[in-house]
């Protein structure tokens, strides 16, 4: 199993819009594409309280390329994303890492 750690750094004041988009649009589309989330977090204490952090679980990098690629080019996603950004850009930038569990990790 491979885990993808993604951190969305939002434009000032736009975190609620991003959380709403995931809750009402993105997660349903991910389900249709077979994308499995491993958790979502907002920052309580840290560098920025305008970040959304989440993890995705993948069997392999090939699965990630196939499923995430299909999601990113899904016409419904493209349309809904544009609708949610009608008042301006939500995400300033995204950082991503791919993590592999150690042999002693409670998550495999």
N, C-alpha and C. Protein backbone atom coordinates (compact mmCIF):
# COMPACT_ATOMS: atom_id res chain seq x y z
N UNK A 1 0.85 -1.18 0.00
CA UNK A 1 0.00 0.00 0.00
C UNK A 1 0.89 1.23 0.00
N UNK A 2 0.47 2.24 -0.76
CA UNK A 2 1.15 3.52 -0.82
C UNK A 2 0.14 4.58 -0.36
N UNK A 3 0.62 5.54 0.41
CA UNK A 3 -0.24 6.63 0.86
C UNK A 3 0.26 7.93 0.24
N UNK A 4 -0.69 8.71 -0.24
CA UNK A 4 -0.37 10.02 -0.80
C UNK A 4 -0.82 11.08 0.19
N UNK A 5 0.13 11.86 0.66
CA UNK A 5 -0.14 12.97 1.57
C UNK A 5 -0.24 14.23 0.74
N UNK A 6 -1.38 14.90 0.81
CA UNK A 6 -1.59 16.12 0.02
C UNK A 6 -1.98 17.25 0.98
N UNK A 7 -1.35 18.40 0.79
CA UNK A 7 -1.67 19.57 1.60
C UNK A 7 -2.07 20.70 0.65
N UNK A 8 -3.29 21.17 0.83
CA UNK A 8 -3.80 22.27 0.03
C UNK A 8 -3.65 23.55 0.85
N UNK A 9 -2.89 24.48 0.34
CA UNK A 9 -2.68 25.77 0.97
C UNK A 9 -3.66 26.74 0.30
N UNK A 10 -4.65 27.17 1.05
CA UNK A 10 -5.74 27.98 0.49
C UNK A 10 -5.39 29.46 0.42
N UNK A 11 -6.08 30.12 -0.48
CA UNK A 11 -6.04 31.58 -0.53
C UNK A 11 -6.66 32.08 0.78
N UNK A 12 -6.25 33.23 1.27
CA UNK A 12 -6.79 33.73 2.54
C UNK A 12 -8.32 33.71 2.58
N UNK A 13 -8.85 33.10 3.63
CA UNK A 13 -10.29 33.05 3.84
C UNK A 13 -11.05 32.03 3.01
N UNK A 14 -10.37 31.24 2.19
CA UNK A 14 -11.08 30.32 1.28
C UNK A 14 -11.14 28.88 1.76
N UNK A 15 -10.55 28.57 2.93
CA UNK A 15 -10.60 27.19 3.44
C UNK A 15 -12.03 26.67 3.56
N UNK A 16 -12.99 27.43 4.09
CA UNK A 16 -14.36 26.91 4.15
C UNK A 16 -14.91 26.51 2.78
N UNK A 17 -14.55 27.24 1.75
CA UNK A 17 -15.01 26.90 0.39
C UNK A 17 -14.40 25.58 -0.08
N UNK A 18 -13.13 25.37 0.25
CA UNK A 18 -12.48 24.12 -0.15
C UNK A 18 -13.08 22.94 0.60
N UNK A 19 -13.30 23.09 1.90
CA UNK A 19 -13.90 22.02 2.70
C UNK A 19 -15.28 21.68 2.15
N UNK A 20 -16.07 22.69 1.83
CA UNK A 20 -17.41 22.46 1.28
C UNK A 20 -17.32 21.73 -0.05
N UNK A 21 -16.36 22.10 -0.91
CA UNK A 21 -16.23 21.44 -2.21
C UNK A 21 -15.91 19.96 -2.04
N UNK A 22 -14.98 19.64 -1.13
CA UNK A 22 -14.69 18.23 -0.89
C UNK A 22 -15.93 17.50 -0.37
N UNK A 23 -16.62 18.10 0.59
CA UNK A 23 -17.76 17.47 1.24
C UNK A 23 -18.93 17.25 0.28
N UNK A 24 -19.18 18.20 -0.60
CA UNK A 24 -20.40 18.14 -1.42
C UNK A 24 -20.16 17.71 -2.87
N UNK A 25 -18.90 17.74 -3.33
CA UNK A 25 -18.64 17.44 -4.74
C UNK A 25 -17.56 16.37 -4.91
N UNK A 26 -16.37 16.68 -4.40
CA UNK A 26 -15.20 15.86 -4.71
C UNK A 26 -15.32 14.43 -4.22
N UNK A 27 -15.75 14.23 -2.98
CA UNK A 27 -15.78 12.87 -2.44
C UNK A 27 -16.71 11.95 -3.22
N UNK A 28 -17.83 12.47 -3.69
CA UNK A 28 -18.74 11.66 -4.51
C UNK A 28 -18.09 11.26 -5.83
N UNK A 29 -17.38 12.19 -6.44
CA UNK A 29 -16.68 11.88 -7.68
C UNK A 29 -15.56 10.87 -7.43
N UNK A 30 -14.83 11.04 -6.34
CA UNK A 30 -13.78 10.06 -6.01
C UNK A 30 -14.37 8.67 -5.85
N UNK A 31 -15.51 8.56 -5.21
CA UNK A 31 -16.14 7.25 -5.02
C UNK A 31 -16.43 6.60 -6.37
N UNK A 32 -16.93 7.38 -7.31
CA UNK A 32 -17.21 6.85 -8.65
C UNK A 32 -15.94 6.38 -9.35
N UNK A 33 -14.82 7.05 -9.06
CA UNK A 33 -13.55 6.69 -9.69
C UNK A 33 -12.75 5.67 -8.89
N UNK A 34 -13.27 5.23 -7.75
CA UNK A 34 -12.58 4.23 -6.93
C UNK A 34 -11.41 4.78 -6.14
N UNK A 35 -11.42 6.08 -5.86
CA UNK A 35 -10.35 6.70 -5.08
C UNK A 35 -10.71 6.61 -3.60
N UNK A 36 -9.76 6.07 -2.80
CA UNK A 36 -10.00 5.83 -1.37
C UNK A 36 -9.25 6.86 -0.53
N UNK A 37 -10.01 7.58 0.27
CA UNK A 37 -9.37 8.52 1.19
C UNK A 37 -9.03 7.82 2.50
N UNK A 38 -7.92 8.25 3.12
CA UNK A 38 -7.48 7.68 4.39
C UNK A 38 -7.64 8.68 5.53
N UNK A 39 -8.16 9.86 5.25
CA UNK A 39 -8.41 10.85 6.29
C UNK A 39 -8.20 12.27 5.80
N UNK A 40 -8.89 13.20 6.46
CA UNK A 40 -8.80 14.63 6.19
C UNK A 40 -8.59 15.37 7.50
N UNK A 41 -7.80 16.43 7.45
CA UNK A 41 -7.53 17.24 8.62
C UNK A 41 -7.42 18.71 8.25
N UNK A 42 -7.83 19.58 9.17
CA UNK A 42 -7.49 21.00 9.10
C UNK A 42 -6.48 21.25 10.21
N UNK A 43 -5.77 22.35 10.11
CA UNK A 43 -4.71 22.65 11.06
C UNK A 43 -5.27 23.39 12.27
N UNK A 44 -5.13 22.78 13.43
CA UNK A 44 -5.56 23.40 14.68
C UNK A 44 -4.46 24.34 15.18
N UNK A 45 -3.23 23.84 15.23
CA UNK A 45 -2.07 24.62 15.64
C UNK A 45 -0.96 24.30 14.65
N UNK A 46 -0.34 25.30 14.09
CA UNK A 46 0.73 25.07 13.13
C UNK A 46 1.02 26.32 12.32
N UNK A 47 1.69 26.12 11.22
CA UNK A 47 2.12 27.26 10.41
C UNK A 47 0.96 28.05 9.83
N UNK A 48 -0.11 27.37 9.40
CA UNK A 48 -1.23 28.07 8.78
C UNK A 48 -2.53 27.36 9.10
N UNK A 49 -3.53 28.16 9.45
CA UNK A 49 -4.86 27.58 9.66
C UNK A 49 -5.70 27.67 8.39
N UNK A 50 -5.03 27.88 7.25
CA UNK A 50 -5.69 27.93 5.95
C UNK A 50 -5.32 26.71 5.10
N UNK A 51 -4.91 25.61 5.76
CA UNK A 51 -4.49 24.40 5.06
C UNK A 51 -5.49 23.27 5.28
N UNK A 52 -5.68 22.47 4.24
CA UNK A 52 -6.42 21.22 4.34
C UNK A 52 -5.44 20.11 3.99
N UNK A 53 -5.29 19.16 4.90
CA UNK A 53 -4.37 18.04 4.71
C UNK A 53 -5.20 16.77 4.59
N UNK A 54 -4.84 15.92 3.63
CA UNK A 54 -5.52 14.64 3.53
C UNK A 54 -4.60 13.59 2.96
N UNK A 55 -5.03 12.33 3.13
CA UNK A 55 -4.26 11.20 2.60
C UNK A 55 -5.17 10.33 1.75
N UNK A 56 -4.58 9.81 0.69
CA UNK A 56 -5.24 8.85 -0.18
C UNK A 56 -4.48 7.53 -0.10
N UNK A 57 -5.19 6.43 -0.22
CA UNK A 57 -4.59 5.09 -0.17
C UNK A 57 -4.60 4.48 -1.56
N UNK A 58 -3.43 4.01 -1.99
CA UNK A 58 -3.28 3.40 -3.32
C UNK A 58 -2.62 2.04 -3.20
N UNK A 59 -3.03 1.12 -4.06
CA UNK A 59 -2.36 -0.18 -4.13
C UNK A 59 -0.99 -0.05 -4.80
N UNK A 60 -0.87 0.90 -5.73
CA UNK A 60 0.37 1.08 -6.48
C UNK A 60 0.36 2.45 -7.13
N UNK A 61 1.51 2.86 -7.64
CA UNK A 61 1.58 4.12 -8.38
C UNK A 61 0.78 4.02 -9.68
N UNK A 62 0.74 2.83 -10.26
CA UNK A 62 -0.03 2.63 -11.49
C UNK A 62 -1.52 2.88 -11.23
N UNK A 63 -2.02 2.37 -10.09
CA UNK A 63 -3.43 2.62 -9.74
C UNK A 63 -3.67 4.12 -9.57
N UNK A 64 -2.74 4.79 -8.92
CA UNK A 64 -2.87 6.23 -8.70
C UNK A 64 -2.93 6.98 -10.03
N UNK A 65 -2.03 6.66 -10.92
CA UNK A 65 -2.00 7.33 -12.22
C UNK A 65 -3.30 7.12 -12.98
N UNK A 66 -3.79 5.90 -12.96
CA UNK A 66 -5.02 5.58 -13.68
C UNK A 66 -6.23 6.30 -13.09
N UNK A 67 -6.46 6.13 -11.80
CA UNK A 67 -7.68 6.64 -11.18
C UNK A 67 -7.65 8.15 -10.97
N UNK A 68 -6.53 8.69 -10.51
CA UNK A 68 -6.48 10.13 -10.28
C UNK A 68 -6.47 10.87 -11.61
N UNK A 69 -5.81 10.29 -12.60
CA UNK A 69 -5.82 10.88 -13.94
C UNK A 69 -7.22 10.94 -14.52
N UNK A 70 -7.99 9.86 -14.34
CA UNK A 70 -9.38 9.84 -14.83
C UNK A 70 -10.22 10.88 -14.11
N UNK A 71 -10.01 11.01 -12.80
CA UNK A 71 -10.75 12.01 -12.03
C UNK A 71 -10.43 13.43 -12.51
N UNK A 72 -9.15 13.73 -12.68
CA UNK A 72 -8.74 15.09 -13.06
C UNK A 72 -9.27 15.50 -14.44
N UNK A 73 -9.54 14.53 -15.30
CA UNK A 73 -10.06 14.85 -16.64
C UNK A 73 -11.57 14.61 -16.77
N UNK A 74 -12.21 14.25 -15.67
CA UNK A 74 -13.66 14.02 -15.66
C UNK A 74 -14.37 15.35 -15.95
N UNK A 75 -15.19 15.40 -17.00
CA UNK A 75 -15.88 16.65 -17.36
C UNK A 75 -16.72 17.22 -16.21
N UNK A 76 -17.32 16.36 -15.41
CA UNK A 76 -18.12 16.86 -14.28
C UNK A 76 -17.22 17.55 -13.26
N UNK A 77 -16.05 16.96 -12.96
CA UNK A 77 -15.11 17.59 -12.03
C UNK A 77 -14.66 18.96 -12.57
N UNK A 78 -14.31 19.00 -13.83
CA UNK A 78 -13.82 20.25 -14.43
C UNK A 78 -14.90 21.33 -14.33
N UNK A 79 -16.13 20.97 -14.61
CA UNK A 79 -17.24 21.92 -14.55
C UNK A 79 -17.52 22.38 -13.11
N UNK A 80 -17.62 21.44 -12.20
CA UNK A 80 -17.92 21.77 -10.80
C UNK A 80 -16.79 22.58 -10.18
N UNK A 81 -15.56 22.25 -10.50
CA UNK A 81 -14.42 23.01 -9.97
C UNK A 81 -14.53 24.47 -10.43
N UNK A 82 -14.81 24.65 -11.71
CA UNK A 82 -14.95 26.01 -12.25
C UNK A 82 -16.07 26.77 -11.55
N UNK A 83 -17.19 26.10 -11.30
CA UNK A 83 -18.31 26.73 -10.60
C UNK A 83 -17.90 27.21 -9.21
N UNK A 84 -17.16 26.36 -8.49
CA UNK A 84 -16.77 26.71 -7.12
C UNK A 84 -15.71 27.80 -7.08
N UNK A 85 -15.06 28.06 -8.20
CA UNK A 85 -14.04 29.11 -8.26
C UNK A 85 -14.54 30.35 -9.00
N UNK A 86 -15.85 30.46 -9.16
CA UNK A 86 -16.42 31.62 -9.85
C UNK A 86 -16.07 32.92 -9.13
N UNK A 87 -15.92 32.86 -7.81
CA UNK A 87 -15.58 34.06 -7.02
C UNK A 87 -14.08 34.20 -6.81
N UNK A 88 -13.30 33.40 -7.51
CA UNK A 88 -11.84 33.47 -7.37
C UNK A 88 -11.23 32.15 -7.00
N UNK A 89 -9.94 32.08 -7.16
CA UNK A 89 -9.16 30.89 -6.89
C UNK A 89 -9.29 30.50 -5.42
N UNK A 90 -9.43 29.21 -5.14
CA UNK A 90 -9.55 28.71 -3.78
C UNK A 90 -8.18 28.27 -3.24
N UNK A 91 -7.44 27.53 -4.03
CA UNK A 91 -6.18 26.94 -3.59
C UNK A 91 -5.01 27.74 -4.16
N UNK A 92 -4.11 28.16 -3.27
CA UNK A 92 -2.90 28.88 -3.71
C UNK A 92 -1.89 27.90 -4.28
N UNK A 93 -1.67 26.78 -3.58
CA UNK A 93 -0.78 25.74 -4.08
C UNK A 93 -1.01 24.44 -3.32
N UNK A 94 -0.48 23.37 -3.89
CA UNK A 94 -0.65 22.03 -3.34
C UNK A 94 0.72 21.39 -3.20
N UNK A 95 0.94 20.76 -2.05
CA UNK A 95 2.15 19.94 -1.91
C UNK A 95 1.71 18.49 -1.77
N UNK A 96 2.53 17.60 -2.30
CA UNK A 96 2.18 16.18 -2.33
C UNK A 96 3.41 15.33 -2.07
N UNK A 97 3.21 14.27 -1.30
CA UNK A 97 4.26 13.28 -1.05
C UNK A 97 3.65 11.89 -1.12
N UNK A 98 4.44 10.93 -1.56
CA UNK A 98 4.01 9.54 -1.58
C UNK A 98 4.78 8.81 -0.49
N UNK A 99 4.03 8.16 0.40
CA UNK A 99 4.61 7.53 1.58
C UNK A 99 4.42 6.02 1.53
N UNK A 100 5.43 5.32 1.98
CA UNK A 100 5.39 3.86 2.06
C UNK A 100 5.51 3.47 3.52
N UNK A 101 4.58 2.66 4.05
CA UNK A 101 4.64 2.28 5.45
C UNK A 101 5.89 1.46 5.77
N UNK A 102 6.41 1.67 6.96
CA UNK A 102 7.51 0.84 7.45
C UNK A 102 6.96 -0.51 7.87
N UNK A 103 7.81 -1.47 8.11
CA UNK A 103 7.36 -2.81 8.52
C UNK A 103 6.65 -2.78 9.88
N UNK A 104 6.92 -1.76 10.70
CA UNK A 104 6.33 -1.69 12.02
C UNK A 104 5.19 -0.68 12.13
N UNK A 105 4.75 -0.14 11.00
CA UNK A 105 3.66 0.83 10.99
C UNK A 105 2.33 0.15 11.32
N UNK A 106 1.49 0.87 12.09
CA UNK A 106 0.15 0.33 12.38
C UNK A 106 -0.73 0.40 11.15
N UNK A 107 -0.34 1.20 10.17
CA UNK A 107 -1.05 1.31 8.90
C UNK A 107 -0.22 0.62 7.84
N UNK A 108 -0.79 -0.34 7.16
CA UNK A 108 -0.09 -1.05 6.10
C UNK A 108 -0.83 -0.82 4.82
